[in-house]
C-alpha atoms as a PDB file:
ATOM      1  CA  MET A   1       3.158   0.271 -18.340  1.00  0.00           C
ATOM      2  CA  THR A   2       0.327  -1.931 -19.505  1.00  0.00           C
ATOM      3  CA  SER A   3      -3.319  -1.066 -18.888  1.00  0.00           C
ATOM      4  CA  GLU A   4      -4.237  -4.676 -18.104  1.00  0.00           C
ATOM      5  CA  ALA A   5      -6.334  -4.934 -14.942  1.00  0.00           C
ATOM      6  CA  LEU A   6      -4.691  -6.857 -12.096  1.00  0.00           C
ATOM      7  CA  TYR A   7      -7.605  -6.317  -9.691  1.00  0.00           C
ATOM      8  CA  ARG A   8     -11.241  -6.015 -10.717  1.00  0.00           C
ATOM      9  CA  MET A   9     -13.892  -4.928  -8.207  1.00  0.00           C
ATOM     10  CA  ARG A  10     -17.604  -4.956  -8.976  1.00  0.00           C
ATOM     11  CA  ASP A  11     -20.338  -3.826  -6.551  1.00  0.00           C
ATOM     12  CA  LEU A  12     -17.990  -4.617  -3.674  1.00  0.00           C
ATOM     13  CA  GLN A  13     -19.339  -3.783  -0.228  1.00  0.00           C
ATOM     14  CA  LYS A  14     -17.865  -4.146   3.237  1.00  0.00           C
ATOM     15  CA  ARG A  15     -19.787  -3.771   6.471  1.00  0.00           C
ATOM     16  CA  TYR A  16     -18.751  -4.227  10.076  1.00  0.00           C
ATOM     17  CA  GLY A  17     -21.957  -5.238  11.803  1.00  0.00           C
ATOM     18  CA  SER A  18     -24.520  -2.631  10.826  1.00  0.00           C
ATOM     19  CA  ASP A  19     -21.880  -0.033  10.007  1.00  0.00           C
ATOM     20  CA  PHE A  20     -21.144   0.680   6.362  1.00  0.00           C
ATOM     21  CA  ALA A  21     -17.408   0.851   5.603  1.00  0.00           C
ATOM     22  CA  LEU A  22     -16.923   0.598   1.856  1.00  0.00           C
ATOM     23  CA  HIS A  23     -18.861   0.396  -1.407  1.00  0.00           C
ATOM     24  CA  VAL A  24     -16.936   0.136  -4.663  1.00  0.00           C
ATOM     25  CA  GLN A  25     -19.331   0.010  -7.599  1.00  0.00           C
ATOM     26  CA  GLN A  26     -16.642  -0.561 -10.235  1.00  0.00           C
ATOM     27  CA  MET A  27     -12.901  -0.183  -9.965  1.00  0.00           C
ATOM     28  CA  ASP A  28      -9.804  -1.739 -11.535  1.00  0.00           C
ATOM     29  CA  VAL A  29      -6.203  -1.581 -10.390  1.00  0.00           C
ATOM     30  CA  ARG A  30      -3.927  -1.796 -13.415  1.00  0.00           C
ATOM     31  CA  GLN A  31      -0.873  -3.969 -13.711  1.00  0.00           C
ATOM     32  CA  GLY A  32       2.302  -2.000 -12.980  1.00  0.00           C
ATOM     33  CA  GLU A  33       0.712   1.284 -11.934  1.00  0.00           C
ATOM     34  CA  VAL A  34       1.028   3.351  -8.786  1.00  0.00           C
ATOM     35  CA  LEU A  35      -2.503   4.114  -7.630  1.00  0.00           C
ATOM     36  CA  GLY A  36      -2.705   6.837  -5.001  1.00  0.00           C
ATOM     37  CA  LEU A  37      -5.594   6.614  -2.539  1.00  0.00           C
ATOM     38  CA  LEU A  38      -6.687   9.898  -1.005  1.00  0.00           C
ATOM     39  CA  GLY A  39      -9.388  10.559   1.536  1.00  0.00           C
ATOM     40  CA  PRO A  40      -9.988  11.662   5.119  1.00  0.00           C
ATOM     41  CA  THR A  41      -9.527   9.398   8.123  1.00  0.00           C
ATOM     42  CA  GLY A  42     -12.220   6.731   8.267  1.00  0.00           C
ATOM     43  CA  CYS A  43     -13.151   6.946   4.584  1.00  0.00           C
ATOM     44  CA  GLY A  44     -12.312   3.285   3.850  1.00  0.00           C
ATOM     45  CA  LYS A  45      -8.725   3.364   2.582  1.00  0.00           C
ATOM     46  CA  SER A  46      -7.351   0.862   5.108  1.00  0.00           C
ATOM     47  CA  THR A  47     -10.343  -1.424   4.652  1.00  0.00           C
ATOM     48  CA  LEU A  48      -9.821  -1.456   0.903  1.00  0.00           C
ATOM     49  CA  LEU A  49      -6.119  -2.264   1.293  1.00  0.00           C
ATOM     50  CA  ARG A  50      -6.891  -5.204   3.582  1.00  0.00           C
ATOM     51  CA  ILE A  51      -9.334  -6.585   1.011  1.00  0.00           C
ATOM     52  CA  LEU A  52      -6.781  -6.140  -1.775  1.00  0.00           C
ATOM     53  CA  ALA A  53      -4.230  -7.970   0.401  1.00  0.00           C
ATOM     54  CA  GLY A  54      -6.533 -10.959   0.801  1.00  0.00           C
ATOM     55  CA  LEU A  55      -6.812 -10.407   4.548  1.00  0.00           C
ATOM     56  CA  GLU A  56     -10.538  -9.681   4.566  1.00  0.00           C
ATOM     57  CA  ASN A  57     -13.466 -10.664   2.387  1.00  0.00           C
ATOM     58  CA  PRO A  58     -16.061  -8.163   1.207  1.00  0.00           C
ATOM     59  CA  SER A  59     -19.527  -8.522   2.693  1.00  0.00           C
ATOM     60  CA  SER A  60     -20.964  -8.713  -0.817  1.00  0.00           C
ATOM     61  CA  GLY A  61     -19.977  -8.167  -4.432  1.00  0.00           C
ATOM     62  CA  CYS A  62     -16.837  -9.551  -5.992  1.00  0.00           C
ATOM     63  CA  ILE A  63     -13.130  -8.925  -6.385  1.00  0.00           C
ATOM     64  CA  HIS A  64     -10.828 -10.725  -8.827  1.00  0.00           C
ATOM     65  CA  PHE A  65      -7.034 -10.866  -8.806  1.00  0.00           C
ATOM     66  CA  SER A  66      -5.263 -11.965 -11.996  1.00  0.00           C
ATOM     67  CA  GLY A  67      -8.626 -13.170 -13.305  1.00  0.00           C
ATOM     68  CA  ALA A  68      -9.456 -15.397 -10.330  1.00  0.00           C
ATOM     69  CA  PRO A  69     -11.790 -14.659  -7.387  1.00  0.00           C
ATOM     70  CA  LEU A  70      -9.931 -13.243  -4.397  1.00  0.00           C
ATOM     71  CA  VAL A  71     -11.293 -15.097  -1.367  1.00  0.00           C
ATOM     72  CA  ALA A  72      -9.436 -14.424   1.870  1.00  0.00           C
ATOM     73  CA  THR A  73     -10.314 -17.775   3.456  1.00  0.00           C
ATOM     74  CA  ALA A  74      -9.239 -19.841   0.445  1.00  0.00           C
ATOM     75  CA  LEU A  75      -6.251 -18.109  -1.129  1.00  0.00           C
ATOM     76  CA  PRO A  76      -3.512 -20.362  -2.480  1.00  0.00           C
ATOM     77  CA  LEU A  77      -0.215 -19.634  -0.776  1.00  0.00           C
ATOM     78  CA  VAL A  78       1.387 -18.833  -4.130  1.00  0.00           C
ATOM     79  CA  THR A  79      -1.204 -16.075  -4.649  1.00  0.00           C
ATOM     80  CA  LEU A  80      -0.988 -14.735  -1.109  1.00  0.00           C
ATOM     81  CA  ARG A  81       2.778 -14.398  -1.450  1.00  0.00           C
ATOM     82  CA  ARG A  82       2.407 -12.189  -4.533  1.00  0.00           C
ATOM     83  CA  MET A  83       1.046  -9.317  -2.420  1.00  0.00           C
ATOM     84  CA  THR A  84       2.308  -7.572   0.701  1.00  0.00           C
ATOM     85  CA  LEU A  85       0.585  -5.006   2.900  1.00  0.00           C
ATOM     86  CA  VAL A  86       2.590  -2.498   4.929  1.00  0.00           C
ATOM     87  CA  PRO A  87       0.023  -1.309   7.503  1.00  0.00           C
ATOM     88  CA  GLN A  88      -0.155   2.131   9.014  1.00  0.00           C
ATOM     89  CA  ARG A  89       0.907   0.783  12.413  1.00  0.00           C
ATOM     90  CA  PRO A  90       3.179  -2.177  11.628  1.00  0.00           C
ATOM     91  CA  ILE A  91       3.985  -4.793  14.240  1.00  0.00           C
ATOM     92  CA  LEU A  92       7.554  -6.014  14.419  1.00  0.00           C
ATOM     93  CA  LEU A  93       8.774  -9.345  15.755  1.00  0.00           C
ATOM     94  CA  ALA A  94      10.784  -9.607  18.960  1.00  0.00           C
ATOM     95  CA  GLY A  95      14.457  -9.545  18.032  1.00  0.00           C
ATOM     96  CA  THR A  96      16.717  -7.359  15.960  1.00  0.00           C
ATOM     97  CA  VAL A  97      16.018  -5.164  12.973  1.00  0.00           C
ATOM     98  CA  ARG A  98      17.922  -7.630  10.766  1.00  0.00           C
ATOM     99  CA  LEU A  99      15.830 -10.563  12.005  1.00  0.00           C
ATOM    100  CA  ASN A 100      12.650  -8.681  11.087  1.00  0.00           C
ATOM    101  CA  VAL A 101      13.858  -7.779   7.605  1.00  0.00           C
ATOM    102  CA  GLU A 102      14.919 -11.331   6.772  1.00  0.00           C
ATOM    103  CA  TYR A 103      11.794 -12.960   8.242  1.00  0.00           C
ATOM    104  CA  GLY A 104       9.920 -13.303   4.938  1.00  0.00           C
ATOM    105  CA  LEU A 105      12.961 -14.794   3.238  1.00  0.00           C
ATOM    106  CA  ARG A 106      13.274 -17.363   6.023  1.00  0.00           C
ATOM    107  CA  LEU A 107       9.625 -18.345   5.592  1.00  0.00           C
ATOM    108  CA  ARG A 108      10.227 -18.843   1.891  1.00  0.00           C
ATOM    109  CA  ARG A 109      13.401 -20.832   2.636  1.00  0.00           C
ATOM    110  CA  ILE A 110      15.451 -18.490   0.477  1.00  0.00           C
ATOM    111  CA  ARG A 111      19.150 -19.236   0.677  1.00  0.00           C
ATOM    112  CA  ASN A 112      21.887 -16.617   0.430  1.00  0.00           C
ATOM    113  CA  ARG A 113      19.762 -14.112   2.319  1.00  0.00           C
ATOM    114  CA  THR A 114      22.591 -11.908   3.541  1.00  0.00           C
ATOM    115  CA  GLU A 115      23.057  -9.857   0.379  1.00  0.00           C
ATOM    116  CA  LYS A 116      19.324  -9.230  -0.069  1.00  0.00           C
ATOM    117  CA  VAL A 117      18.912  -8.158   3.546  1.00  0.00           C
ATOM    118  CA  ASP A 118      22.011  -5.955   3.482  1.00  0.00           C
ATOM    119  CA  ASP A 119      20.743  -4.226   0.345  1.00  0.00           C
ATOM    120  CA  ALA A 120      17.296  -3.554   1.842  1.00  0.00           C
ATOM    121  CA  LEU A 121      18.843  -2.196   5.047  1.00  0.00           C
ATOM    122  CA  GLU A 122      21.199   0.064   3.110  1.00  0.00           C
ATOM    123  CA  GLN A 123      18.517   1.436   0.797  1.00  0.00           C
ATOM    124  CA  LEU A 124      16.397   2.561   3.729  1.00  0.00           C
ATOM    125  CA  GLY A 125      19.230   3.822   5.893  1.00  0.00           C
ATOM    126  CA  LEU A 126      18.909   1.054   8.470  1.00  0.00           C
ATOM    127  CA  THR A 127      22.391  -0.472   8.332  1.00  0.00           C
ATOM    128  CA  GLY A 128      23.529   1.326  11.476  1.00  0.00           C
ATOM    129  CA  ILE A 129      20.673  -0.097  13.567  1.00  0.00           C
ATOM    130  CA  ALA A 130      20.578  -3.607  12.074  1.00  0.00           C
ATOM    131  CA  SER A 131      21.556  -5.163  15.429  1.00  0.00           C
ATOM    132  CA  GLN A 132      19.206  -3.003  17.477  1.00  0.00           C
ATOM    133  CA  ALA A 133      16.173  -4.561  19.186  1.00  0.00           C
ATOM    134  CA  ALA A 134      13.031  -3.822  17.184  1.00  0.00           C
ATOM    135  CA  GLN A 135      11.070  -2.946  20.335  1.00  0.00           C
ATOM    136  CA  THR A 136      13.364   0.038  20.988  1.00  0.00           C
ATOM    137  CA  LEU A 137      12.654   1.765  17.676  1.00  0.00           C
ATOM    138  CA  SER A 138      10.775   4.999  17.122  1.00  0.00           C
ATOM    139  CA  GLY A 139       7.563   5.060  15.106  1.00  0.00           C
ATOM    140  CA  GLY A 140       9.395   6.259  12.018  1.00  0.00           C
ATOM    141  CA  GLN A 141      12.105   3.617  12.321  1.00  0.00           C
ATOM    142  CA  THR A 142       9.433   0.956  12.728  1.00  0.00           C
ATOM    143  CA  GLN A 143       7.823   2.073   9.463  1.00  0.00           C
ATOM    144  CA  LEU A 144      11.164   1.866   7.671  1.00  0.00           C
ATOM    145  CA  VAL A 145      11.839  -1.653   8.976  1.00  0.00           C
ATOM    146  CA  ALA A 146       8.358  -2.808   7.958  1.00  0.00           C
ATOM    147  CA  LEU A 147       8.924  -1.418   4.476  1.00  0.00           C
ATOM    148  CA  ALA A 148      12.327  -3.115   4.181  1.00  0.00           C
ATOM    149  CA  ARG A 149      10.722  -6.372   5.305  1.00  0.00           C
ATOM    150  CA  ALA A 150       8.149  -6.018   2.515  1.00  0.00           C
ATOM    151  CA  LEU A 151      10.554  -4.996  -0.239  1.00  0.00           C
ATOM    152  CA  VAL A 152      13.113  -7.727   0.395  1.00  0.00           C
ATOM    153  CA  ILE A 153      10.673 -10.442  -0.710  1.00  0.00           C
ATOM    154  CA  THR A 154      10.001  -8.576  -4.005  1.00  0.00           C
ATOM    155  CA  PRO A 155       6.205  -8.903  -4.102  1.00  0.00           C
ATOM    156  CA  ASP A 156       4.241  -8.347  -7.306  1.00  0.00           C
ATOM    157  CA  VAL A 157       1.858  -6.064  -5.396  1.00  0.00           C
ATOM    158  CA  LEU A 158       2.868  -3.598  -2.700  1.00  0.00           C
ATOM    159  CA  LEU A 159       0.004  -2.176  -0.638  1.00  0.00           C
ATOM    160  CA  LEU A 160       1.034   0.838   1.426  1.00  0.00           C
ATOM    161  CA  ASP A 161      -1.044   2.405   4.198  1.00  0.00           C
ATOM    162  CA  GLU A 162       0.478   5.803   5.071  1.00  0.00           C
ATOM    163  CA  PRO A 163       4.047   4.415   4.938  1.00  0.00           C
ATOM    164  CA  THR A 164       5.688   7.799   5.615  1.00  0.00           C
ATOM    165  CA  ALA A 165       3.284   9.168   8.227  1.00  0.00           C
ATOM    166  CA  HIS A 166       5.925   9.323  10.995  1.00  0.00           C
ATOM    167  CA  LEU A 167       8.926  10.303   8.890  1.00  0.00           C
ATOM    168  CA  ASP A 168      10.794  13.583   8.509  1.00  0.00           C
ATOM    169  CA  PRO A 169      10.942  15.178   5.016  1.00  0.00           C
ATOM    170  CA  ALA A 170      14.359  13.702   4.189  1.00  0.00           C
ATOM    171  CA  HIS A 171      13.195  10.165   4.954  1.00  0.00           C
ATOM    172  CA  VAL A 172       9.931  10.763   3.087  1.00  0.00           C
ATOM    173  CA  ALA A 173      11.981  11.593  -0.012  1.00  0.00           C
ATOM    174  CA  LEU A 174      14.180   8.537   0.600  1.00  0.00           C
ATOM    175  CA  VAL A 175      11.198   6.189   0.837  1.00  0.00           C
ATOM    176  CA  GLU A 176       9.514   7.636  -2.238  1.00  0.00           C
ATOM    177  CA  GLY A 177      12.690   7.124  -4.250  1.00  0.00           C
ATOM    178  CA  VAL A 178      13.200   3.561  -3.012  1.00  0.00           C
ATOM    179  CA  ILE A 179       9.636   2.575  -3.860  1.00  0.00           C
ATOM    180  CA  GLN A 180       9.758   4.168  -7.293  1.00  0.00           C
ATOM    181  CA  ARG A 181      12.973   2.302  -8.097  1.00  0.00           C
ATOM    182  CA  PHE A 182      11.448  -0.921  -6.807  1.00  0.00           C
ATOM    183  CA  ARG A 183       8.451  -0.468  -9.085  1.00  0.00           C
ATOM    184  CA  GLN A 184      10.620   0.200 -12.116  1.00  0.00           C
ATOM    185  CA  GLU A 185      12.968  -2.720 -11.471  1.00  0.00           C
ATOM    186  CA  TYR A 186      10.335  -5.338 -10.682  1.00  0.00           C
ATOM    187  CA  ARG A 187       7.339  -3.917 -12.595  1.00  0.00           C
ATOM    188  CA  ALA A 188       5.411  -4.008  -9.330  1.00  0.00           C
ATOM    189  CA  THR A 189       1.873  -2.762  -8.846  1.00  0.00           C
ATOM    190  CA  ILE A 190       1.570  -0.310  -5.965  1.00  0.00           C
ATOM    191  CA  VAL A 191      -1.514   0.987  -4.160  1.00  0.00           C
ATOM    192  CA  TRP A 192      -0.453   3.843  -1.900  1.00  0.00           C
ATOM    193  CA  ALA A 193      -2.839   5.346   0.657  1.00  0.00           C
ATOM    194  CA  THR A 194      -1.800   8.793   1.875  1.00  0.00           C
ATOM    195  CA  HIS A 195      -3.208  11.948   3.425  1.00  0.00           C
ATOM    196  CA  ASN A 196      -0.482  13.963   1.724  1.00  0.00           C
ATOM    197  CA  LEU A 197      -1.775  15.577  -1.463  1.00  0.00           C
ATOM    198  CA  PHE A 198       1.734  16.551  -2.540  1.00  0.00           C
ATOM    199  CA  GLN A 199       2.948  12.987  -2.090  1.00  0.00           C
ATOM    200  CA  ALA A 200       0.120  11.563  -4.178  1.00  0.00           C
ATOM    201  CA  ARG A 201       0.937  14.034  -6.924  1.00  0.00           C
ATOM    202  CA  ARG A 202       4.619  13.050  -6.838  1.00  0.00           C
ATOM    203  CA  VAL A 203       4.297   9.270  -6.799  1.00  0.00           C
ATOM    204  CA  ALA A 204       0.974   8.216  -8.317  1.00  0.00           C
ATOM    205  CA  VAL A 205       0.208   7.408 -11.949  1.00  0.00           C
ATOM    206  CA  ARG A 206      -3.507   7.552 -11.165  1.00  0.00           C
ATOM    207  CA  THR A 207      -5.147   9.055  -8.099  1.00  0.00           C
ATOM    208  CA  ALA A 208      -8.460   8.130  -6.493  1.00  0.00           C
ATOM    209  CA  LEU A 209     -10.515   9.958  -3.874  1.00  0.00           C
ATOM    210  CA  LEU A 210     -12.567   8.044  -1.307  1.00  0.00           C
ATOM    211  CA  LEU A 211     -15.279   9.844   0.650  1.00  0.00           C
ATOM    212  CA  ASP A 212     -17.634   8.029   3.019  1.00  0.00           C
ATOM    213  CA  GLY A 213     -16.484   4.665   1.685  1.00  0.00           C
ATOM    214  CA  GLN A 214     -17.124   5.415  -1.998  1.00  0.00           C
ATOM    215  CA  PHE A 215     -14.927   6.495  -4.881  1.00  0.00           C
ATOM    216  CA  VAL A 216     -15.756  10.066  -5.847  1.00  0.00           C
ATOM    217  CA  GLU A 217     -13.204  10.370  -8.630  1.00  0.00           C
ATOM    218  CA  VAL A 218     -10.432   8.306 -10.231  1.00  0.00           C
ATOM    219  CA  GLY A 219      -8.148   9.690 -12.908  1.00  0.00           C
ATOM    220  CA  GLN A 220      -4.669  10.326 -14.212  1.00  0.00           C
ATOM    221  CA  THR A 221      -2.877  12.187 -11.459  1.00  0.00           C
ATOM    222  CA  GLU A 222      -2.169  15.494 -13.182  1.00  0.00           C
ATOM    223  CA  GLU A 223      -5.692  15.646 -14.579  1.00  0.00           C
ATOM    224  CA  PHE A 224      -7.094  14.728 -11.155  1.00  0.00           C
ATOM    225  CA  PHE A 225      -5.358  17.694  -9.545  1.00  0.00           C
ATOM    226  CA  LYS A 226      -5.595  20.248 -12.356  1.00  0.00           C
ATOM    227  CA  ASN A 227      -9.076  19.556 -13.708  1.00  0.00           C
ATOM    228  CA  PRO A 228     -11.156  17.503 -11.251  1.00  0.00           C
ATOM    229  CA  SER A 229     -14.496  16.502 -12.721  1.00  0.00           C
ATOM    230  CA  ASP A 230     -16.350  16.285  -9.395  1.00  0.00           C
ATOM    231  CA  PRO A 231     -16.759  19.423  -7.246  1.00  0.00           C
ATOM    232  CA  ARG A 232     -16.140  17.333  -4.118  1.00  0.00           C
ATOM    233  CA  THR A 233     -12.682  16.499  -5.440  1.00  0.00           C
ATOM    234  CA  ASP A 234     -11.912  20.176  -5.905  1.00  0.00           C
ATOM    235  CA  ASP A 235     -13.223  20.884  -2.416  1.00  0.00           C
ATOM    236  CA  PHE A 236     -10.953  18.160  -1.000  1.00  0.00           C
ATOM    237  CA  ILE A 237      -7.885  19.395  -2.869  1.00  0.00           C
ATOM    238  CA  GLN A 238      -8.524  22.970  -1.755  1.00  0.00           C
ATOM    239  CA  GLY A 239      -9.123  21.933   1.863  1.00  0.00           C
ATOM    240  CA  ARG A 240     -12.780  22.925   1.915  1.00  0.00           C
ATOM    241  CA  ILE A 241     -14.010  19.454   2.968  1.00  0.00           C
ATOM    242  CA  VAL A 242     -13.791  18.964   6.720  1.00  0.00           C
ATOM    243  CA  TYR A 243     -14.622  15.641   8.392  1.00  0.00           C
END
């Protein structure tokens, strides 16, 4: 894995009205890494992912992607298609599971879609419900379909907001394996927001802690968990921080 920065954020701030949501003084996301985002509910993880996805602009400061300013209102389509966000509560299209998974390929006018879609369905254990109406799915099934829909278009950047929140342990392990293989095969960059400390330790190359919209600590995952440099990180890991 290279250490080249894919995203660069400098003095980035996001406000919603008078409410402060996020302030990133300086942060890079490296090409090809898995960056785990930890933090309590409301700390700014989802806001950061939406900015990284080019769906929202910061209120001030700057963010660059591949050396160019990332401006949500003026992103070239070729850039926008390099990144995909799987939100915490994904919305599926009316129609079948298969229709949802192949949607991105249709938009891109990709021919010979059947094999790609079949592979994505099989990897995530969705083959048996491929013809089922998306509106009849459980929360966990919906997350799996949204993930398959993202993976099938092979984005350069995969932004994940609690992608296993509604899954049982077996499916959590399945998803983690699928995403790790995807990263290795396509050299993808992954930013993975999770409340699960054990998951972050399993999947992330580096781990970052957000508290009150600011990064408290960012470091190599094992070092982050074994020898945190900030006492607030240790308090979070040990469950002593309550929000």
